[in-house]
Structure formats: structure tokens, C-alpha cells
């Protein structure tokens, strides 16, 4: 299993990275991306702190660790700039906090993230057909999420992705230990969004493809 969307005490999570990694390993996860919330005020500190820590924990008995960020509540006109700066600082994975129904995310965030070419658009809410089509063209993965609230539009995201060729990944948006769901629950949530078993397994392969690309580029 892979979780490419997690948070620690560096933003609004409750665990330090080492405990998050340990708990994920015990749950059977093979890869974890730490993607704390960032804007321009904390971006450099988050990426630098995580990079230093991950280097020390890089061999976690079979658990691959990835340094990422989730750009959150940044005004849409600035998302591309923050994305490029995150990559320059060394973030291996860039997510944007999409237009979920349960938070006041500014309209236009989904489109700005897709145009910026981020890796994953997290919980994109009632994303439009045009945005899903553009995400497929720009190779931006769209998230099916196991997290309460954000998951309300999983079915919508899944249906449009099937229709317009969107690439899906499934993440937990982990903030606390109980958010690290089992393999069985991940699958049931995907099926509950209207995906077939074959589509679910393709989603898991999509996550592995992202991980393999990152690990290959980081040596």
C-alpha cells in the first residue's frame, strides 16, 4: 500500500514523522509521502526540515519515504509560483488542496493546480469535465480519498475520470493514526465510489508509478 498524502505535527497532523512512518509500516504500507500544508510563509522551512529528517530515516525496513508538500488555501494566481518554488527547494511530490465541499477553498484552485502541473490534485470536490480533461492532458493525478468529508465527491471524481481519461490515485489524507486505513477498507471505498475491481487495482498501480518515478529521479 501507498499513502501519498499525509500530515504531521509540522502542520495539522498529530504525529511526528518518525511515529507516522512506524505506524504506517506496521499497517503494511510500503511507501509514505509526508505532505504537510504549505504556503509562502512556511514552504522553505517545511521542505528543508522534512528533507533533513527523511535522509536520516531513509532506510525504514522496507518503507520508502518521500518529501512532499500540500499547497493549501493559496490564492489561485500564486499556485504556479509556489509549485515551482517547492520543486526548486527539493520537494519530490507536490499536491494542491483541491476544492473540497467541506472547506472554503477559493474557486479556481483546481484549475490553477492543473495548469501548474502539480503531481496530485487532492480531494478536488465537484471538479468540472473540462478540468478533468485538462488534468489528463497535463498528467495531474486526481485523488480518491478515504478521509471523512472530503470523500463526499469520490463518486463524482471517479465517474468524470472514467469519462475523460483522468488518472486517479487513492490516498488517506492521514492526520492521525486512525486515518491509516487497511487495504480492505481502501478497496471498499474505491468500490463505493463506483469503481470496478480492475479500476481499483489500476489506481494502486498509478500510485506505484508515481513512487517509482520519484525514486528513480532521487537515486
Protein backbone atom coordinates (compact mmCIF):
# COMPACT_ATOMS: atom_id res chain seq x y z
CA UNK A 1 0.00 0.00 0.00
CA UNK A 2 0.96 3.60 -0.61
CA UNK A 3 -0.20 6.83 1.03
CA UNK A 4 0.92 9.88 -0.93
CA UNK A 5 -0.97 12.39 1.24
CA UNK A 6 -0.10 12.63 4.95
CA UNK A 7 0.37 15.30 7.59
CA UNK A 8 2.50 15.55 10.71
CA UNK A 9 2.90 17.99 13.60
CA UNK A 10 4.66 20.24 11.08
CA UNK A 11 1.16 21.28 10.01
CA UNK A 12 -2.15 19.93 11.39
CA UNK A 13 -1.25 16.28 11.97
CA UNK A 14 -0.78 14.77 15.44
CA UNK A 15 2.31 12.60 14.89
CA UNK A 16 5.97 13.39 14.33
CA UNK A 17 7.28 11.91 11.05
CA UNK A 18 9.08 9.01 12.75
CA UNK A 19 5.95 7.79 14.52
CA UNK A 20 3.85 8.25 11.39
CA UNK A 21 6.35 6.16 9.44
CA UNK A 22 6.46 3.45 12.11
CA UNK A 23 2.68 3.18 12.32
CA UNK A 24 2.39 3.05 8.53
CA UNK A 25 4.95 0.26 8.34
CA UNK A 26 3.11 -1.80 10.95
CA UNK A 27 -0.13 -1.30 8.97
CA UNK A 28 1.52 -2.76 5.89
CA UNK A 29 2.33 0.37 3.90
CA UNK A 30 5.37 0.21 1.63
CA UNK A 31 5.62 3.91 0.85
CA UNK A 32 4.64 7.12 2.58
CA UNK A 33 4.81 10.71 1.36
CA UNK A 34 4.83 13.40 4.04
CA UNK A 35 2.93 16.32 2.51
CA UNK A 36 2.36 18.95 5.17
CA UNK A 37 0.31 22.04 4.40
CA UNK A 38 2.31 24.94 2.96
CA UNK A 39 2.02 28.44 1.60
CA UNK A 40 4.77 31.00 1.03
CA UNK A 41 5.22 31.59 4.77
CA UNK A 42 6.40 28.08 5.72
CA UNK A 43 7.34 26.39 2.44
CA UNK A 44 11.12 26.61 2.80
CA UNK A 45 11.11 25.52 6.46
CA UNK A 46 8.84 22.53 5.82
CA UNK A 47 10.77 21.21 2.81
CA UNK A 48 14.16 21.70 4.44
CA UNK A 49 13.11 20.14 7.75
CA UNK A 50 11.48 17.13 6.12
CA UNK A 51 14.39 16.63 3.72
CA UNK A 52 16.91 16.50 6.55
CA UNK A 53 14.77 14.11 8.57
CA UNK A 54 13.94 11.79 5.69
CA UNK A 55 17.61 11.43 4.82
CA UNK A 56 18.21 10.05 8.32
CA UNK A 57 15.18 7.74 8.20
CA UNK A 58 15.52 6.70 4.57
CA UNK A 59 16.02 3.01 5.39
CA UNK A 60 12.94 2.19 7.43
CA UNK A 61 12.98 -1.59 6.89
CA UNK A 62 11.26 -1.53 3.54
CA UNK A 63 9.23 1.67 3.96
CA UNK A 64 10.09 4.26 1.32
CA UNK A 65 9.70 7.86 2.49
CA UNK A 66 9.04 10.79 0.15
CA UNK A 67 9.26 14.51 0.88
CA UNK A 68 6.24 16.36 -0.42
CA UNK A 69 4.01 19.34 0.26
CA UNK A 70 0.33 20.15 0.02
CA UNK A 71 -0.17 23.72 -1.17
CA UNK A 72 -3.17 24.85 0.82
CA UNK A 73 -5.53 27.84 0.53
CA UNK A 74 -3.02 29.72 -1.63
CA UNK A 75 -4.75 32.20 -3.97
CA UNK A 76 -5.06 30.59 -7.43
CA UNK A 77 -2.87 33.20 -9.21
CA UNK A 78 0.04 32.23 -6.91
CA UNK A 79 -0.23 28.44 -7.12
CA UNK A 80 2.13 28.05 -10.07
CA UNK A 81 4.78 30.16 -8.33
CA UNK A 82 4.53 28.17 -5.10
CA UNK A 83 4.66 24.92 -7.08
CA UNK A 84 7.85 25.89 -8.87
CA UNK A 85 9.46 27.09 -5.64
CA UNK A 86 8.56 23.84 -3.87
CA UNK A 87 10.26 21.85 -6.61
CA UNK A 88 13.29 24.14 -6.54
CA UNK A 89 13.64 23.62 -2.80
CA UNK A 90 13.62 19.85 -3.26
CA UNK A 91 10.05 18.65 -2.77
CA UNK A 92 9.71 15.36 -4.64
CA UNK A 93 5.92 15.47 -4.68
CA UNK A 94 3.60 18.48 -4.95
CA UNK A 95 -0.08 18.29 -4.06
CA UNK A 96 -2.65 21.06 -4.06
CA UNK A 97 -5.53 21.14 -1.59
CA UNK A 98 -8.44 20.97 -4.02
CA UNK A 99 -11.94 22.43 -3.89
CA UNK A 100 -13.41 20.02 -1.34
CA UNK A 101 -17.02 20.60 -0.30
CA UNK A 102 -16.15 20.81 3.39
CA UNK A 103 -13.69 23.73 3.37
CA UNK A 104 -13.85 27.26 1.92
CA UNK A 105 -11.28 26.67 -0.84
CA UNK A 106 -11.20 29.54 -3.33
CA UNK A 107 -12.86 28.87 -6.65
CA UNK A 108 -10.27 28.44 -9.38
CA UNK A 109 -7.88 26.45 -7.19
CA UNK A 110 -8.46 23.20 -9.09
CA UNK A 111 -7.79 24.81 -12.46
CA UNK A 112 -4.70 26.68 -11.22
CA UNK A 113 -3.24 23.45 -9.80
CA UNK A 114 -3.83 21.56 -13.02
CA UNK A 115 -2.34 24.34 -15.11
CA UNK A 116 0.70 24.41 -12.80
CA UNK A 117 1.25 20.70 -13.45
CA UNK A 118 1.26 19.54 -9.84
CA UNK A 119 1.57 15.83 -9.18
CA UNK A 120 -1.74 15.30 -7.40
CA UNK A 121 -4.87 17.41 -7.01
CA UNK A 122 -6.20 16.33 -3.63
CA UNK A 123 -9.94 15.91 -2.95
CA UNK A 124 -10.99 18.06 -5.93
CA UNK A 125 -14.68 18.24 -4.99
CA UNK A 126 -17.11 18.92 -7.83
CA UNK A 127 -14.35 19.22 -10.41
CA UNK A 128 -15.57 20.10 -13.91
CA UNK A 129 -15.42 17.98 -17.04
CA UNK A 130 -13.01 20.47 -18.62
CA UNK A 131 -10.71 20.34 -15.61
CA UNK A 132 -10.62 16.53 -15.58
CA UNK A 133 -9.80 16.53 -19.29
CA UNK A 134 -7.00 19.06 -18.76
CA UNK A 135 -5.68 17.09 -15.78
CA UNK A 136 -5.40 14.02 -18.02
CA UNK A 137 -3.54 16.07 -20.63
CA UNK A 138 -1.18 17.60 -18.03
CA UNK A 139 -0.65 14.25 -16.25
CA UNK A 140 -2.06 15.55 -12.96
CA UNK A 141 -3.45 12.71 -10.85
CA UNK A 142 -6.83 13.22 -9.18
CA UNK A 143 -7.39 11.91 -5.68
CA UNK A 144 -9.95 9.44 -4.41
CA UNK A 145 -9.75 9.97 -0.66
CA UNK A 146 -10.57 7.82 2.34
CA UNK A 147 -10.92 10.89 4.56
CA UNK A 148 -14.28 11.79 6.10
CA UNK A 149 -15.90 14.80 4.47
CA UNK A 150 -13.50 15.06 1.58
CA UNK A 151 -14.75 11.67 0.33
CA UNK A 152 -18.26 13.00 -0.36
CA UNK A 153 -17.40 13.63 -4.01
CA UNK A 154 -15.37 10.48 -4.68
CA UNK A 155 -18.13 9.14 -6.93
CA UNK A 156 -18.20 12.33 -8.98
CA UNK A 157 -14.40 12.35 -9.38
CA UNK A 158 -14.37 8.67 -10.33
CA UNK A 159 -17.15 8.99 -12.89
CA UNK A 160 -15.65 12.00 -14.67
CA UNK A 161 -12.19 10.46 -14.62
CA UNK A 162 -13.56 7.36 -16.33
CA UNK A 163 -15.30 9.51 -18.94
CA UNK A 164 -12.45 11.92 -19.66
CA UNK A 165 -9.38 9.76 -19.07
CA UNK A 166 -8.34 11.20 -15.72
CA UNK A 167 -5.62 9.39 -13.78
CA UNK A 168 -6.70 8.50 -10.25
CA UNK A 169 -4.81 7.73 -7.06
CA UNK A 170 -6.22 6.77 -3.67
CA UNK A 171 -4.87 8.47 -0.53
CA UNK A 172 -5.79 8.66 3.12
CA UNK A 173 -5.01 12.33 3.82
CA UNK A 174 -3.59 10.98 7.07
CA UNK A 175 -3.63 13.32 10.08
CA UNK A 176 -3.85 10.78 12.92
CA UNK A 177 -3.17 7.06 13.46
CA UNK A 178 -6.76 6.05 12.74
CA UNK A 179 -6.53 7.60 9.26
CA UNK A 180 -4.13 4.88 8.08
CA UNK A 181 -6.82 2.58 6.75
CA UNK A 182 -6.40 -1.09 5.89
CA UNK A 183 -6.01 -2.48 2.39
CA UNK A 184 -9.53 -3.90 2.61
CA UNK A 185 -11.09 -0.56 3.54
CA UNK A 186 -9.19 1.28 0.80
CA UNK A 187 -10.61 -1.15 -1.73
CA UNK A 188 -14.15 -0.87 -0.35
CA UNK A 189 -14.02 2.92 -0.50
CA UNK A 190 -12.92 2.75 -4.13
CA UNK A 191 -15.71 0.30 -4.96
CA UNK A 192 -18.15 2.53 -3.08
CA UNK A 193 -17.17 5.37 -5.40
CA UNK A 194 -18.43 3.28 -8.30
CA UNK A 195 -15.08 1.92 -9.45
CA UNK A 196 -14.67 -1.68 -10.56
CA UNK A 197 -12.10 -4.01 -9.01
CA UNK A 198 -9.99 -3.67 -12.16
CA UNK A 199 -10.14 0.13 -11.90
CA UNK A 200 -9.20 -0.04 -8.23
CA UNK A 201 -6.10 -2.10 -8.98
CA UNK A 202 -5.18 0.36 -11.72
CA UNK A 203 -5.42 3.18 -9.17
CA UNK A 204 -2.97 1.37 -6.91
CA UNK A 205 -0.64 0.89 -9.89
CA UNK A 206 -0.90 4.61 -10.64
CA UNK A 207 0.46 5.37 -7.17
CA UNK A 208 3.31 2.90 -7.68
CA UNK A 209 4.15 4.60 -10.99
CA UNK A 210 4.48 7.95 -9.20
CA UNK A 211 6.66 6.43 -6.48
CA UNK A 212 8.91 4.67 -8.97
CA UNK A 213 9.38 7.89 -10.93
CA UNK A 214 10.36 9.76 -7.77
CA UNK A 215 12.71 7.06 -6.50
CA UNK A 216 14.38 6.83 -9.91
CA UNK A 217 14.95 10.59 -10.01
CA UNK A 218 16.31 10.76 -6.47
CA UNK A 219 18.63 7.78 -6.90
